[in-house]
Amino acid sequence: MKRQIAFLDVFAERPLTGNGLAVVSDADRLSDEAMLAFALETRLSETTFVQSSAADGADYRNRIWTPGEELRFAGHPSLGTAVAIARWRGQQQGEFVQETGAGLQPVRVRREAGPDRAGGERWSATMLQAPTEWGPELDPEATMRAAGLDPGDAHQELPPRVVSTGIPHLIAPLATREALARVEPGYEAVDALLAPHEAVVLYLAWCDAEAGRAWARGFARILLLGEDPATGSAAGPLCAYLAERGLADAITVSQGEEMGRPSILEARIEDGRARVSGSVVPLVDGTVRLPETLADRAAS
């Protein structure tokens, strides 16, 4: 069966920046094994599969896969999937409620009037994330060592803390922006920090709260390259962390520069919840033939 597929760059100001995403339509009959195999085929940080939803109030179910496993929630796959659906329906804007493993999230998308910097199509997308869940504060020294940094690189007043607005992340503020360039994570040590709290990414950030700006890098073994160019599901927790400390209730996050994939993420607190927004640039439209099971693939 042919299915529509779209490739999009999310949190991107122009093509080939931000975080790449593939979205596959009509995925109700695809097995988990087939979805995982295709996610490995794309070799993107995430690939999503749009299915029907039986949840009250949901417009569709969004299955989010890395090349190694399924995630119950993620940021850029939520925004990019909503843009793909609006475009497939011929809409210039849309408001959707997606179902993920973290519950229901409202997503709003709109095609921008002007072209992107490369003369192509550009959309804006915004999502209200789940209520904040607070995990424990972790040892700053151990966190810095896992990132290949010195203990003095930890922010002296903002300890590392596990925070979730849909999926847990370890938010680790740094003392200087310069420290971001020196990060050399030890992934076994990162895993040891994250696993007891079911956190998925170590999110290192230097924040200029007064200016409403932050620069961040996200690391985890589950990521194909070990680093994420844009982590929407961590930008929300970072904003919630700063707001809880009375430092900022809105922040613009720059991420991905060290990877050659510069990304811009906007996060703010709205009625006590994190809203994360950004630009989406459609890149490729087409169709894909996928076996519904790996047994079908073997038979062919």
Protein backbone atom coordinates (compact mmCIF):
# COMPACT_ATOMS: atom_id res chain seq x y z
CA MET A 1 0.00 0.00 0.00
CA LYS A 2 1.27 3.46 -0.92
CA ARG A 3 1.28 5.95 1.91
CA GLN A 4 2.02 9.65 1.83
CA ILE A 5 5.31 10.72 3.34
CA ALA A 6 6.63 14.17 4.14
CA PHE A 7 10.08 15.27 5.21
CA LEU A 8 10.18 18.51 7.16
CA ASP A 9 12.73 20.58 9.09
CA VAL A 10 11.33 21.69 12.45
CA PHE A 11 12.48 24.67 14.54
CA ALA A 12 14.12 25.76 11.28
CA GLU A 13 14.43 29.21 9.73
CA ARG A 14 15.41 27.73 6.34
CA PRO A 15 15.78 24.29 4.74
CA LEU A 16 18.43 21.90 6.07
CA THR A 17 18.51 23.48 9.49
CA GLY A 18 16.54 22.61 12.62
CA ASN A 19 15.59 19.02 13.38
CA GLY A 20 14.67 16.75 10.48
CA LEU A 21 11.49 14.67 10.60
CA ALA A 22 9.74 12.11 8.40
CA VAL A 23 5.94 11.71 8.70
CA VAL A 24 4.05 8.70 7.29
CA SER A 25 0.26 8.77 6.80
CA ASP A 26 -2.37 6.00 7.13
CA ALA A 27 -0.28 3.89 9.50
CA ASP A 28 -3.10 2.04 11.31
CA ARG A 29 -2.11 -1.35 9.91
CA LEU A 30 1.65 -0.99 10.28
CA SER A 31 3.17 -3.26 12.90
CA ASP A 32 5.50 -1.88 15.53
CA GLU A 33 8.33 -3.84 13.93
CA ALA A 34 7.66 -2.24 10.54
CA MET A 35 7.56 1.25 12.02
CA LEU A 36 10.83 0.69 13.86
CA ALA A 37 12.47 -0.69 10.72
CA PHE A 38 11.42 2.33 8.68
CA ALA A 39 12.57 4.72 11.41
CA LEU A 40 15.97 3.06 11.11
CA GLU A 41 15.75 3.41 7.32
CA THR A 42 15.26 7.19 7.49
CA ARG A 43 18.16 7.59 9.92
CA LEU A 44 16.51 10.68 11.37
CA SER A 45 16.28 11.38 15.09
CA GLU A 46 12.53 10.69 14.88
CA THR A 47 10.02 9.38 12.35
CA THR A 48 6.29 9.60 13.04
CA PHE A 49 3.35 7.48 11.92
CA VAL A 50 -0.17 8.92 11.84
CA GLN A 51 -2.88 6.56 13.04
CA SER A 52 -6.56 6.83 13.91
CA SER A 53 -7.30 7.64 17.54
CA ALA A 54 -10.03 6.23 19.77
CA ALA A 55 -9.36 8.81 22.49
CA ASP A 56 -12.14 11.32 23.13
CA GLY A 57 -11.23 14.70 21.67
CA ALA A 58 -8.23 13.50 19.66
CA ASP A 59 -7.94 14.06 15.91
CA TYR A 60 -5.22 11.46 15.37
CA ARG A 61 -2.70 9.29 17.15
CA ASN A 62 0.96 10.22 16.68
CA ARG A 63 3.40 7.31 17.02
CA ILE A 64 6.94 8.64 17.47
CA TRP A 65 9.93 6.40 16.77
CA THR A 66 13.68 6.86 16.99
CA PRO A 67 15.89 4.37 15.08
CA GLY A 68 16.00 2.35 18.30
CA GLU A 69 12.70 2.67 20.13
CA GLU A 70 9.30 4.33 20.42
CA LEU A 71 8.97 7.54 22.47
CA ARG A 72 5.78 8.35 24.30
CA PHE A 73 6.21 12.05 23.50
CA ALA A 74 8.57 14.43 21.70
CA GLY A 75 8.50 18.07 20.67
CA HIS A 76 9.60 18.52 17.08
CA PRO A 77 7.71 15.37 15.90
CA SER A 78 4.51 16.83 17.36
CA LEU A 79 4.83 20.15 15.53
CA GLY A 80 6.06 18.69 12.26
CA THR A 81 3.36 16.00 12.14
CA ALA A 82 0.61 18.59 12.55
CA VAL A 83 2.03 20.62 9.66
CA ALA A 84 2.18 17.51 7.46
CA ILE A 85 -1.45 16.70 8.22
CA ALA A 86 -2.63 20.25 7.46
CA ARG A 87 -0.79 20.19 4.13
CA TRP A 88 -2.20 16.76 3.20
CA ARG A 89 -5.69 18.13 3.88
CA GLY A 90 -5.08 21.21 1.77
CA GLN A 91 -5.41 23.54 4.75
CA GLN A 92 -3.54 26.81 5.21
CA GLN A 93 -3.95 26.54 8.98
CA GLY A 94 -5.31 24.08 11.48
CA GLU A 95 -5.93 23.25 15.11
CA PHE A 96 -5.50 19.63 16.10
CA VAL A 97 -5.42 17.50 19.22
CA GLN A 98 -2.91 14.69 18.97
CA GLU A 99 -2.82 11.56 21.08
CA THR A 100 0.60 10.38 22.23
CA GLY A 101 1.78 8.12 24.99
CA ALA A 102 1.83 11.20 27.24
CA GLY A 103 -1.87 11.97 26.68
CA LEU A 104 -3.50 14.63 24.52
CA GLN A 105 -1.76 17.78 23.31
CA PRO A 106 -3.34 20.63 21.32
CA VAL A 107 -1.26 21.75 18.35
CA ARG A 108 -1.92 24.81 16.17
CA VAL A 109 -0.28 25.41 12.78
CA ARG A 110 -0.41 28.16 10.15
CA ARG A 111 1.25 28.68 6.78
CA GLU A 112 3.19 31.93 6.75
CA ALA A 113 2.34 34.50 4.09
CA GLY A 114 5.89 34.93 2.84
CA PRO A 115 8.49 32.37 1.74
CA ASP A 116 11.32 31.13 3.89
CA ARG A 117 14.85 32.41 3.32
CA ALA A 118 15.33 29.96 0.46
CA GLY A 119 12.11 31.05 -1.25
CA GLY A 120 10.09 28.03 -0.15
CA GLU A 121 7.11 27.28 2.05
CA ARG A 122 7.26 28.01 5.77
CA TRP A 123 4.83 27.30 8.60
CA SER A 124 4.54 28.31 12.22
CA ALA A 125 3.55 25.69 14.80
CA THR A 126 2.79 25.82 18.50
CA MET A 127 1.91 23.19 21.10
CA LEU A 128 0.71 23.32 24.69
CA GLN A 129 2.65 20.64 26.54
CA ALA A 130 1.54 18.57 29.53
CA PRO A 131 1.46 19.95 33.09
CA THR A 132 4.93 20.10 34.61
CA GLU A 133 6.09 17.19 36.72
CA TRP A 134 9.04 17.80 39.01
CA GLY A 135 11.69 15.20 39.64
CA PRO A 136 14.67 15.31 41.98
CA GLU A 137 17.68 17.59 41.91
CA LEU A 138 20.83 15.67 40.96
CA ASP A 139 24.45 16.06 41.97
CA PRO A 140 26.05 18.92 39.95
CA GLU A 141 29.52 17.36 40.01
CA ALA A 142 28.35 14.01 38.67
CA THR A 143 26.28 15.76 36.00
CA MET A 144 29.18 17.89 34.81
CA ARG A 145 31.55 14.92 34.72
CA ALA A 146 29.05 12.95 32.60
CA ALA A 147 29.14 15.87 30.15
CA GLY A 148 32.94 15.98 30.14
CA LEU A 149 32.97 19.28 32.01
CA ASP A 150 34.51 20.48 35.26
CA PRO A 151 32.40 20.78 38.45
CA GLY A 152 32.89 24.55 38.29
CA ASP A 153 30.99 24.65 34.99
CA ALA A 154 27.72 23.94 36.84
CA HIS A 155 25.57 26.95 37.62
CA GLN A 156 26.08 27.72 41.28
CA GLU A 157 22.44 28.61 42.00
CA LEU A 158 20.56 26.37 39.55
CA PRO A 159 21.20 22.68 40.27
CA PRO A 160 20.51 19.95 37.70
CA ARG A 161 16.94 18.75 37.99
CA VAL A 162 14.69 16.20 36.31
CA VAL A 163 11.69 17.99 34.78
CA SER A 164 8.91 16.72 32.52
CA THR A 165 6.23 18.41 30.43
CA GLY A 166 5.37 15.14 28.73
CA ILE A 167 8.61 13.16 29.04
CA PRO A 168 11.40 13.63 31.63
CA HIS A 169 14.64 15.43 30.84
CA LEU A 170 17.61 16.28 33.02
CA ILE A 171 17.85 20.09 32.88
CA ALA A 172 21.42 21.17 33.71
CA PRO A 173 22.10 24.95 33.71
CA LEU A 174 25.70 25.99 33.12
CA ALA A 175 27.73 28.83 34.58
CA THR A 176 28.97 30.10 31.20
CA ARG A 177 27.98 29.89 27.56
CA GLU A 178 31.56 29.01 26.69
CA ALA A 179 31.21 25.70 28.54
CA LEU A 180 28.75 24.45 25.91
CA ALA A 181 31.53 24.32 23.33
CA ARG A 182 33.64 22.07 25.59
CA VAL A 183 31.03 19.37 26.18
CA GLU A 184 32.31 15.86 25.49
CA PRO A 185 29.71 13.50 26.96
CA GLY A 186 30.48 10.06 28.26
CA TYR A 187 27.35 8.22 27.23
CA GLU A 188 27.61 5.45 29.82
CA ALA A 189 27.76 8.11 32.52
CA VAL A 190 24.89 10.01 30.89
CA ASP A 191 22.82 6.81 30.82
CA ALA A 192 23.57 6.23 34.50
CA LEU A 193 22.22 9.70 35.31
CA LEU A 194 19.11 9.45 33.16
CA ALA A 195 17.96 5.84 33.59
CA PRO A 196 16.86 5.90 37.26
CA HIS A 197 14.47 8.76 36.44
CA GLU A 198 13.33 7.50 33.00
CA ALA A 199 14.74 10.73 31.57
CA VAL A 200 15.64 10.69 27.88
CA VAL A 201 18.03 13.62 27.33
CA LEU A 202 20.71 15.48 29.28
CA TYR A 203 19.86 19.10 28.40
CA LEU A 204 22.74 21.47 29.11
CA ALA A 205 21.86 25.16 28.91
CA TRP A 206 23.33 28.56 29.53
CA CYS A 207 20.58 31.05 30.23
CA ASP A 208 20.45 34.83 30.09
CA ALA A 209 17.12 35.00 31.88
CA GLU A 210 17.01 38.80 31.91
CA ALA A 211 17.24 38.85 28.11
CA GLY A 212 14.92 35.85 27.72
CA ARG A 213 17.59 33.86 25.83
CA ALA A 214 19.20 30.47 26.26
CA TRP A 215 21.71 28.35 24.38
CA ALA A 216 21.42 24.59 24.79
CA ARG A 217 22.71 21.19 23.75
CA GLY A 218 20.95 17.86 24.27
CA PHE A 219 22.67 14.48 24.59
CA ALA A 220 21.54 10.86 24.90
CA ARG A 221 22.56 7.48 23.57
CA ILE A 222 19.07 7.01 22.05
CA LEU A 223 19.79 9.83 19.60
CA LEU A 224 21.24 8.63 16.31
CA LEU A 225 24.20 11.01 16.46
CA GLY A 226 24.28 11.17 20.25
CA GLU A 227 23.18 14.82 20.11
CA ASP A 228 19.87 16.45 19.21
CA PRO A 229 19.78 19.62 17.07
CA ALA A 230 16.48 20.78 18.61
CA THR A 231 14.63 19.30 21.59
CA GLY A 232 11.15 20.78 21.94
CA SER A 233 10.23 18.41 24.75
CA ALA A 234 13.21 19.80 26.74
CA ALA A 235 12.69 23.48 25.92
CA GLY A 236 9.36 23.30 27.76
CA PRO A 237 10.92 21.87 30.93
CA LEU A 238 13.74 24.43 30.75
CA CYS A 239 11.21 27.26 30.62
CA ALA A 240 9.20 25.70 33.46
CA TYR A 241 12.40 25.39 35.53
CA LEU A 242 13.27 29.07 35.04
CA ALA A 243 9.70 30.16 35.76
CA GLU A 244 9.56 28.11 38.95
CA ARG A 245 12.68 29.97 40.10
CA GLY A 246 11.09 33.32 39.25
CA LEU A 247 13.69 34.02 36.55
CA ALA A 248 11.73 34.00 33.27
CA ASP A 249 8.37 32.82 32.00
CA ALA A 250 9.37 33.03 28.32
CA ILE A 251 12.62 32.05 26.64
CA THR A 252 14.11 31.80 23.14
CA VAL A 253 16.42 28.80 22.89
CA SER A 254 19.21 28.44 20.33
CA GLN A 255 20.33 24.85 19.77
CA GLY A 256 22.12 22.77 17.16
CA GLU A 257 24.77 25.28 16.15
CA GLU A 258 27.63 22.88 17.00
CA MET A 259 26.03 20.27 14.72
CA GLY A 260 25.62 22.61 11.75
CA ARG A 261 21.82 22.48 12.26
CA PRO A 262 20.97 25.82 13.90
CA SER A 263 17.55 25.77 15.52
CA ILE A 264 15.33 28.31 17.26
CA LEU A 265 12.76 27.21 19.86
CA GLU A 266 10.31 29.54 21.61
CA ALA A 267 8.96 28.50 25.01
CA ARG A 268 6.68 30.31 27.43
CA ILE A 269 4.43 29.52 30.37
CA GLU A 270 0.72 29.78 29.66
CA ASP A 271 -1.78 29.13 32.47
CA GLY A 272 0.89 27.18 34.34
CA ARG A 273 1.86 24.98 31.36
CA ALA A 274 4.70 25.21 28.87
CA ARG A 275 3.91 26.22 25.30
CA VAL A 276 6.62 25.51 22.73
CA SER A 277 6.61 27.06 19.27
CA GLY A 278 8.77 27.26 16.17
CA SER A 279 8.98 27.39 12.40
CA VAL A 280 8.56 24.34 10.17
CA VAL A 281 9.95 24.12 6.63
CA PRO A 282 8.52 21.36 4.39
CA LEU A 283 11.30 19.75 2.38
CA VAL A 284 10.06 16.67 0.48
CA ASP A 285 6.61 15.32 -0.44
CA GLY A 286 6.08 11.84 -1.81
CA THR A 287 4.77 8.33 -1.31
CA VAL A 288 6.33 5.29 0.27
CA ARG A 289 5.59 1.57 -0.05
CA LEU A 290 5.88 -0.09 3.33
CA PRO A 291 5.20 -3.71 4.30
CA GLU A 292 2.69 -3.90 7.12
CA THR A 293 4.82 -6.50 8.90
CA LEU A 294 8.39 -7.70 8.55
CA ALA A 295 6.96 -11.08 7.49
CA ASP A 296 5.43 -9.31 4.47
CA ARG A 297 8.85 -7.91 3.66
CA ALA A 298 10.41 -11.37 3.83
CA ALA A 299 7.67 -12.84 1.63
CA SER A 300 8.22 -10.21 -1.06
